[in-house]
Amino acid sequence: MKRIFKFLSPLFVFLVLALFVIMPIALFAQNGPIQPPSCPPGTICSPYPQGFTIVSFLNFILENIVLPIGGVIAVLFLVYAGFLFVTARGDETQLDKAKETLKWTVIGIAILFGSLAISNGIKNTICQIANIPSFCR
């Protein structure tokens, strides 16, 4: 049995390396540089769409990555705090731990949604003052 594992172990390592290292190189190999359809041959064009700004990128990250992940984590911590309340059974130290967990979860949720409100408020203020078309979409 040990000889079988000695033989299969290097084979398994090779297969994993081939699957995760060698295959993507072969699959994603390209014949030449990719140019956007509107870019004339022989010129260098930006790979980003028109109107791309760092602020729109940060807003995209906040709304599409940070808030959904933070919302899921917040719900999990609310469930965890409820679980701590249920399992405390009147024990003061466990009740204090559950209260602290609930308090910091609610503070985290307030910060999470407050960040969205603050970023939208700053964006709307800048749009009213400067009216930058690429920024105010």
N, C-alpha and C. Protein backbone atom coordinates (compact mmCIF):
# COMPACT_ATOMS: atom_id res chain seq x y z
N MET A 1 0.82 -1.19 0.00
CA MET A 1 0.00 0.00 0.00
C MET A 1 0.86 1.26 0.00
N LYS A 2 1.97 1.25 0.76
CA LYS A 2 2.84 2.41 0.82
C LYS A 2 3.51 2.65 -0.52
N ARG A 3 3.82 1.56 -1.26
CA ARG A 3 4.46 1.74 -2.56
C ARG A 3 3.51 2.40 -3.55
N ILE A 4 2.23 2.11 -3.42
CA ILE A 4 1.24 2.72 -4.31
C ILE A 4 1.19 4.24 -4.04
N PHE A 5 1.19 4.64 -2.75
CA PHE A 5 1.18 6.05 -2.42
C PHE A 5 2.46 6.74 -2.86
N LYS A 6 3.61 6.05 -2.76
CA LYS A 6 4.87 6.63 -3.22
C LYS A 6 4.83 6.87 -4.72
N PHE A 7 4.16 6.01 -5.45
CA PHE A 7 4.07 6.17 -6.89
C PHE A 7 3.04 7.23 -7.27
N LEU A 8 1.89 7.23 -6.58
CA LEU A 8 0.81 8.14 -6.93
C LEU A 8 1.05 9.56 -6.45
N SER A 9 1.84 9.76 -5.42
CA SER A 9 2.07 11.10 -4.90
C SER A 9 2.74 12.02 -5.93
N PRO A 10 3.87 11.63 -6.55
CA PRO A 10 4.44 12.51 -7.58
C PRO A 10 3.53 12.67 -8.79
N LEU A 11 2.81 11.61 -9.13
CA LEU A 11 1.90 11.69 -10.26
C LEU A 11 0.78 12.69 -9.97
N PHE A 12 0.26 12.67 -8.76
CA PHE A 12 -0.79 13.61 -8.37
C PHE A 12 -0.27 15.04 -8.39
N VAL A 13 0.93 15.27 -7.89
CA VAL A 13 1.52 16.60 -7.90
C VAL A 13 1.69 17.08 -9.35
N PHE A 14 2.16 16.22 -10.22
CA PHE A 14 2.33 16.58 -11.62
C PHE A 14 0.98 16.93 -12.26
N LEU A 15 -0.04 16.14 -11.99
CA LEU A 15 -1.36 16.41 -12.57
C LEU A 15 -1.94 17.73 -12.07
N VAL A 16 -1.74 18.02 -10.80
CA VAL A 16 -2.23 19.29 -10.26
C VAL A 16 -1.49 20.45 -10.90
N LEU A 17 -0.17 20.33 -11.02
CA LEU A 17 0.61 21.38 -11.68
C LEU A 17 0.18 21.54 -13.13
N ALA A 18 -0.03 20.43 -13.80
CA ALA A 18 -0.44 20.51 -15.20
C ALA A 18 -1.81 21.15 -15.33
N LEU A 19 -2.70 20.84 -14.40
CA LEU A 19 -4.04 21.39 -14.47
C LEU A 19 -4.07 22.89 -14.19
N PHE A 20 -3.34 23.33 -13.17
CA PHE A 20 -3.43 24.72 -12.75
C PHE A 20 -2.34 25.64 -13.31
N VAL A 21 -1.28 25.11 -13.85
CA VAL A 21 -0.20 25.95 -14.35
C VAL A 21 -0.04 25.84 -15.87
N ILE A 22 0.08 24.64 -16.37
CA ILE A 22 0.39 24.46 -17.78
C ILE A 22 -0.85 24.67 -18.65
N MET A 23 -1.98 24.16 -18.25
CA MET A 23 -3.18 24.26 -19.08
C MET A 23 -3.64 25.70 -19.30
N PRO A 24 -3.67 26.57 -18.29
CA PRO A 24 -4.09 27.95 -18.57
C PRO A 24 -3.16 28.66 -19.55
N ILE A 25 -1.88 28.35 -19.49
CA ILE A 25 -0.96 28.97 -20.44
C ILE A 25 -1.32 28.55 -21.85
N ALA A 26 -1.60 27.28 -22.04
CA ALA A 26 -1.95 26.80 -23.38
C ALA A 26 -3.33 27.29 -23.80
N LEU A 27 -4.26 27.36 -22.89
CA LEU A 27 -5.62 27.75 -23.25
C LEU A 27 -5.75 29.24 -23.54
N PHE A 28 -5.00 30.07 -22.81
CA PHE A 28 -5.14 31.51 -22.96
C PHE A 28 -4.04 32.12 -23.83
N ALA A 29 -3.29 31.31 -24.53
CA ALA A 29 -2.28 31.84 -25.43
C ALA A 29 -2.96 32.58 -26.57
N GLN A 30 -2.33 33.66 -27.01
CA GLN A 30 -2.93 34.48 -28.05
C GLN A 30 -1.93 34.66 -29.18
N ASN A 31 -2.45 34.92 -30.36
CA ASN A 31 -1.59 35.11 -31.52
C ASN A 31 -1.00 36.50 -31.58
N GLY A 32 -1.63 37.47 -31.02
CA GLY A 32 -1.14 38.84 -31.07
C GLY A 32 -1.85 39.68 -30.04
N PRO A 33 -1.50 40.95 -29.97
CA PRO A 33 -2.17 41.81 -28.99
C PRO A 33 -3.64 42.03 -29.35
N ILE A 34 -4.44 42.09 -28.33
CA ILE A 34 -5.87 42.32 -28.53
C ILE A 34 -6.08 43.83 -28.62
N GLN A 35 -6.76 44.28 -29.64
CA GLN A 35 -7.06 45.70 -29.81
C GLN A 35 -8.57 45.88 -29.74
N PRO A 36 -9.01 46.96 -29.11
CA PRO A 36 -10.44 47.23 -29.12
C PRO A 36 -10.93 47.39 -30.56
N PRO A 37 -12.18 47.06 -30.85
CA PRO A 37 -12.68 47.13 -32.21
C PRO A 37 -12.58 48.52 -32.83
N SER A 38 -12.65 49.57 -32.03
CA SER A 38 -12.64 50.92 -32.58
C SER A 38 -11.22 51.46 -32.74
N CYS A 39 -10.22 50.70 -32.36
CA CYS A 39 -8.84 51.17 -32.43
C CYS A 39 -8.24 50.84 -33.79
N PRO A 40 -7.76 51.85 -34.52
CA PRO A 40 -7.16 51.57 -35.83
C PRO A 40 -5.87 50.79 -35.68
N PRO A 41 -5.54 49.94 -36.64
CA PRO A 41 -4.31 49.16 -36.55
C PRO A 41 -3.08 50.07 -36.51
N GLY A 42 -2.10 49.66 -35.72
CA GLY A 42 -0.87 50.41 -35.62
C GLY A 42 -0.89 51.52 -34.59
N THR A 43 -1.99 51.68 -33.85
CA THR A 43 -2.08 52.71 -32.82
C THR A 43 -2.29 52.06 -31.47
N ILE A 44 -2.02 52.81 -30.43
CA ILE A 44 -2.22 52.32 -29.07
C ILE A 44 -3.46 53.00 -28.52
N CYS A 45 -4.43 52.20 -28.12
CA CYS A 45 -5.67 52.73 -27.57
C CYS A 45 -5.83 52.26 -26.13
N SER A 46 -6.59 53.01 -25.36
CA SER A 46 -6.85 52.67 -23.97
C SER A 46 -7.76 51.45 -23.89
N PRO A 47 -7.43 50.49 -23.05
CA PRO A 47 -8.31 49.32 -22.91
C PRO A 47 -9.56 49.62 -22.08
N TYR A 48 -9.60 50.78 -21.46
CA TYR A 48 -10.73 51.14 -20.62
C TYR A 48 -11.80 51.83 -21.46
N PRO A 49 -13.06 51.65 -21.08
CA PRO A 49 -14.13 52.30 -21.85
C PRO A 49 -14.08 53.82 -21.68
N GLN A 50 -14.73 54.51 -22.60
CA GLN A 50 -14.79 55.96 -22.52
C GLN A 50 -15.49 56.36 -21.23
N GLY A 51 -15.01 57.40 -20.59
CA GLY A 51 -15.62 57.88 -19.36
C GLY A 51 -15.14 57.14 -18.12
N PHE A 52 -14.12 56.29 -18.27
CA PHE A 52 -13.60 55.56 -17.12
C PHE A 52 -12.78 56.51 -16.26
N THR A 53 -13.13 56.60 -14.99
CA THR A 53 -12.35 57.39 -14.04
C THR A 53 -12.09 56.55 -12.81
N ILE A 54 -11.12 56.97 -12.03
CA ILE A 54 -10.80 56.24 -10.81
C ILE A 54 -11.96 56.30 -9.82
N VAL A 55 -12.70 57.40 -9.85
CA VAL A 55 -13.85 57.53 -8.95
C VAL A 55 -14.95 56.55 -9.33
N SER A 56 -15.20 56.39 -10.64
CA SER A 56 -16.21 55.43 -11.06
C SER A 56 -15.77 54.01 -10.73
N PHE A 57 -14.45 53.76 -10.82
CA PHE A 57 -13.93 52.45 -10.46
C PHE A 57 -14.11 52.17 -8.97
N LEU A 58 -13.78 53.16 -8.14
CA LEU A 58 -13.95 52.99 -6.69
C LEU A 58 -15.42 52.84 -6.32
N ASN A 59 -16.29 53.57 -6.98
CA ASN A 59 -17.72 53.44 -6.74
C ASN A 59 -18.21 52.05 -7.13
N PHE A 60 -17.70 51.55 -8.26
CA PHE A 60 -18.05 50.20 -8.69
C PHE A 60 -17.62 49.17 -7.65
N ILE A 61 -16.40 49.30 -7.15
CA ILE A 61 -15.89 48.37 -6.13
C ILE A 61 -16.75 48.44 -4.87
N LEU A 62 -17.09 49.66 -4.45
CA LEU A 62 -17.89 49.81 -3.23
C LEU A 62 -19.26 49.18 -3.40
N GLU A 63 -19.94 49.48 -4.51
CA GLU A 63 -21.32 49.01 -4.67
C GLU A 63 -21.42 47.54 -5.06
N ASN A 64 -20.45 47.02 -5.78
CA ASN A 64 -20.57 45.65 -6.31
C ASN A 64 -19.72 44.61 -5.60
N ILE A 65 -18.78 45.05 -4.77
CA ILE A 65 -17.94 44.08 -4.08
C ILE A 65 -18.04 44.24 -2.56
N VAL A 66 -17.75 45.45 -2.08
CA VAL A 66 -17.68 45.67 -0.63
C VAL A 66 -19.04 45.52 0.03
N LEU A 67 -20.07 46.17 -0.52
CA LEU A 67 -21.39 46.10 0.12
C LEU A 67 -21.99 44.70 0.11
N PRO A 68 -21.97 43.95 -1.00
CA PRO A 68 -22.53 42.59 -0.93
C PRO A 68 -21.78 41.68 0.03
N ILE A 69 -20.46 41.73 0.00
CA ILE A 69 -19.69 40.87 0.92
C ILE A 69 -19.90 41.32 2.36
N GLY A 70 -19.88 42.64 2.58
CA GLY A 70 -20.11 43.16 3.93
C GLY A 70 -21.50 42.84 4.43
N GLY A 71 -22.49 42.88 3.53
CA GLY A 71 -23.86 42.53 3.93
C GLY A 71 -23.99 41.09 4.36
N VAL A 72 -23.33 40.19 3.62
CA VAL A 72 -23.37 38.77 4.00
C VAL A 72 -22.68 38.56 5.34
N ILE A 73 -21.53 39.19 5.54
CA ILE A 73 -20.82 39.05 6.81
C ILE A 73 -21.65 39.63 7.94
N ALA A 74 -22.33 40.75 7.70
CA ALA A 74 -23.16 41.36 8.74
C ALA A 74 -24.31 40.44 9.14
N VAL A 75 -24.95 39.83 8.16
CA VAL A 75 -26.04 38.89 8.47
C VAL A 75 -25.51 37.70 9.27
N LEU A 76 -24.34 37.19 8.89
CA LEU A 76 -23.76 36.07 9.63
C LEU A 76 -23.45 36.46 11.08
N PHE A 77 -22.95 37.67 11.28
CA PHE A 77 -22.67 38.09 12.65
C PHE A 77 -23.95 38.36 13.44
N LEU A 78 -25.00 38.82 12.77
CA LEU A 78 -26.28 38.97 13.48
C LEU A 78 -26.82 37.60 13.92
N VAL A 79 -26.69 36.61 13.06
CA VAL A 79 -27.11 35.26 13.43
C VAL A 79 -26.25 34.73 14.56
N TYR A 80 -24.93 35.01 14.49
CA TYR A 80 -24.02 34.57 15.55
C TYR A 80 -24.38 35.23 16.88
N ALA A 81 -24.69 36.53 16.86
CA ALA A 81 -25.07 37.22 18.09
C ALA A 81 -26.37 36.64 18.65
N GLY A 82 -27.32 36.33 17.78
CA GLY A 82 -28.56 35.68 18.24
C GLY A 82 -28.28 34.32 18.84
N PHE A 83 -27.35 33.58 18.21
CA PHE A 83 -26.97 32.27 18.75
C PHE A 83 -26.34 32.43 20.13
N LEU A 84 -25.52 33.47 20.32
CA LEU A 84 -24.92 33.69 21.64
C LEU A 84 -25.97 34.04 22.68
N PHE A 85 -26.99 34.82 22.29
CA PHE A 85 -28.07 35.14 23.22
C PHE A 85 -28.84 33.88 23.62
N VAL A 86 -29.11 33.03 22.65
CA VAL A 86 -29.89 31.82 22.93
C VAL A 86 -29.11 30.87 23.82
N THR A 87 -27.81 30.72 23.55
CA THR A 87 -27.01 29.76 24.31
C THR A 87 -26.51 30.32 25.64
N ALA A 88 -26.74 31.62 25.91
CA ALA A 88 -26.27 32.20 27.18
C ALA A 88 -27.02 31.61 28.37
N ARG A 89 -28.30 31.37 28.22
CA ARG A 89 -29.14 30.75 29.27
C ARG A 89 -29.03 31.49 30.61
N GLY A 90 -28.97 32.82 30.56
CA GLY A 90 -28.97 33.58 31.80
C GLY A 90 -27.60 33.81 32.39
N ASP A 91 -26.56 33.24 31.83
CA ASP A 91 -25.20 33.46 32.34
C ASP A 91 -24.77 34.88 31.98
N GLU A 92 -24.42 35.67 33.00
CA GLU A 92 -24.12 37.09 32.78
C GLU A 92 -22.91 37.30 31.87
N THR A 93 -21.87 36.50 32.01
CA THR A 93 -20.68 36.71 31.17
C THR A 93 -20.98 36.41 29.71
N GLN A 94 -21.75 35.36 29.46
CA GLN A 94 -22.10 35.05 28.08
C GLN A 94 -23.09 36.07 27.51
N LEU A 95 -23.99 36.59 28.36
CA LEU A 95 -24.90 37.63 27.91
C LEU A 95 -24.14 38.91 27.56
N ASP A 96 -23.13 39.24 28.36
CA ASP A 96 -22.32 40.41 28.05
C ASP A 96 -21.58 40.23 26.73
N LYS A 97 -21.06 39.03 26.50
CA LYS A 97 -20.38 38.75 25.23
C LYS A 97 -21.36 38.87 24.06
N ALA A 98 -22.58 38.38 24.23
CA ALA A 98 -23.58 38.47 23.17
C ALA A 98 -23.97 39.92 22.91
N LYS A 99 -24.10 40.71 23.98
CA LYS A 99 -24.44 42.13 23.81
C LYS A 99 -23.32 42.88 23.09
N GLU A 100 -22.07 42.59 23.45
CA GLU A 100 -20.94 43.23 22.79
C GLU A 100 -20.90 42.85 21.30
N THR A 101 -21.14 41.58 21.01
CA THR A 101 -21.14 41.12 19.61
C THR A 101 -22.23 41.83 18.83
N LEU A 102 -23.42 41.93 19.40
CA LEU A 102 -24.52 42.61 18.74
C LEU A 102 -24.22 44.09 18.55
N LYS A 103 -23.64 44.72 19.59
CA LYS A 103 -23.33 46.15 19.50
C LYS A 103 -22.34 46.41 18.37
N TRP A 104 -21.25 45.64 18.29
CA TRP A 104 -20.24 45.87 17.26
C TRP A 104 -20.73 45.47 15.87
N THR A 105 -21.65 44.52 15.81
CA THR A 105 -22.25 44.18 14.52
C THR A 105 -23.10 45.32 14.01
N VAL A 106 -23.90 45.93 14.87
CA VAL A 106 -24.74 47.05 14.46
C VAL A 106 -23.87 48.25 14.08
N ILE A 107 -22.78 48.48 14.81
CA ILE A 107 -21.85 49.57 14.46
C ILE A 107 -21.22 49.30 13.10
N GLY A 108 -20.84 48.05 12.84
CA GLY A 108 -20.27 47.70 11.54
C GLY A 108 -21.26 47.89 10.40
N ILE A 109 -22.52 47.53 10.63
CA ILE A 109 -23.56 47.73 9.60
C ILE A 109 -23.76 49.22 9.35
N ALA A 110 -23.75 50.03 10.42
CA ALA A 110 -23.89 51.47 10.25
C ALA A 110 -22.73 52.05 9.45
N ILE A 111 -21.52 51.60 9.71
CA ILE A 111 -20.35 52.06 8.95
C ILE A 111 -20.46 51.62 7.50
N LEU A 112 -20.90 50.38 7.28
CA LEU A 112 -21.02 49.84 5.93
C LEU A 112 -21.99 50.66 5.09
N PHE A 113 -23.19 50.90 5.61
CA PHE A 113 -24.17 51.67 4.85
C PHE A 113 -23.89 53.16 4.89
N GLY A 114 -23.22 53.62 5.94
CA GLY A 114 -22.81 55.02 5.99
C GLY A 114 -21.78 55.35 4.94
N SER A 115 -20.90 54.39 4.64
CA SER A 115 -19.90 54.63 3.59
C SER A 115 -20.57 54.82 2.23
N LEU A 116 -21.60 54.08 1.97
CA LEU A 116 -22.34 54.26 0.71
C LEU A 116 -23.03 55.61 0.68
N ALA A 117 -23.65 56.00 1.78
CA ALA A 117 -24.34 57.29 1.84
C ALA A 117 -23.35 58.44 1.69
N ILE A 118 -22.20 58.34 2.34
CA ILE A 118 -21.20 59.40 2.25
C ILE A 118 -20.64 59.50 0.84
N SER A 119 -20.32 58.35 0.22
CA SER A 119 -19.76 58.39 -1.13
C SER A 119 -20.77 58.94 -2.13
N ASN A 120 -22.04 58.57 -1.99
CA ASN A 120 -23.07 59.11 -2.89
C ASN A 120 -23.28 60.61 -2.63
N GLY A 121 -23.21 61.02 -1.39
CA GLY A 121 -23.35 62.44 -1.07
C GLY A 121 -22.22 63.27 -1.66
N ILE A 122 -20.98 62.78 -1.54
CA ILE A 122 -19.84 63.49 -2.12
C ILE A 122 -19.96 63.53 -3.63
N LYS A 123 -20.34 62.41 -4.23
CA LYS A 123 -20.48 62.37 -5.69
C LYS A 123 -21.55 63.34 -6.16
N ASN A 124 -22.71 63.36 -5.50
CA ASN A 124 -23.78 64.26 -5.90
C ASN A 124 -23.39 65.73 -5.71
N THR A 125 -22.64 66.03 -4.64
CA THR A 125 -22.19 67.40 -4.42
C THR A 125 -21.24 67.85 -5.51
N ILE A 126 -20.28 66.97 -5.87
CA ILE A 126 -19.34 67.30 -6.94
C ILE A 126 -20.08 67.46 -8.26
N CYS A 127 -21.07 66.63 -8.52
CA CYS A 127 -21.84 66.73 -9.76
C CYS A 127 -22.62 68.03 -9.83
N GLN A 128 -23.15 68.50 -8.70
CA GLN A 128 -23.88 69.76 -8.70
C GLN A 128 -22.94 70.95 -8.89
N ILE A 129 -21.74 70.85 -8.35
CA ILE A 129 -20.81 71.97 -8.44
C ILE A 129 -20.11 71.99 -9.80
N ALA A 130 -19.52 70.85 -10.21
CA ALA A 130 -18.67 70.84 -11.39
C ALA A 130 -19.37 70.30 -12.63
N ASN A 131 -20.33 69.43 -12.48
CA ASN A 131 -21.05 68.81 -13.60
C ASN A 131 -20.10 68.19 -14.62
N ILE A 132 -19.30 67.23 -14.16
CA ILE A 132 -18.36 66.51 -15.02
C ILE A 132 -19.14 65.34 -15.64
N PRO A 133 -19.30 65.29 -16.97
CA PRO A 133 -20.16 64.26 -17.57
C PRO A 133 -19.67 62.83 -17.30
N SER A 134 -18.37 62.61 -17.35
CA SER A 134 -17.88 61.23 -17.14
C SER A 134 -18.01 60.81 -15.68
N PHE A 135 -18.13 61.76 -14.78
CA PHE A 135 -18.20 61.47 -13.36
C PHE A 135 -19.63 61.38 -12.87
N CYS A 136 -20.55 62.09 -13.52
CA CYS A 136 -21.91 62.24 -13.00
C CYS A 136 -22.91 61.29 -13.63
N ARG A 137 -22.49 60.16 -14.08
CA ARG A 137 -23.45 59.20 -14.66
C ARG A 137 -24.13 58.41 -13.59
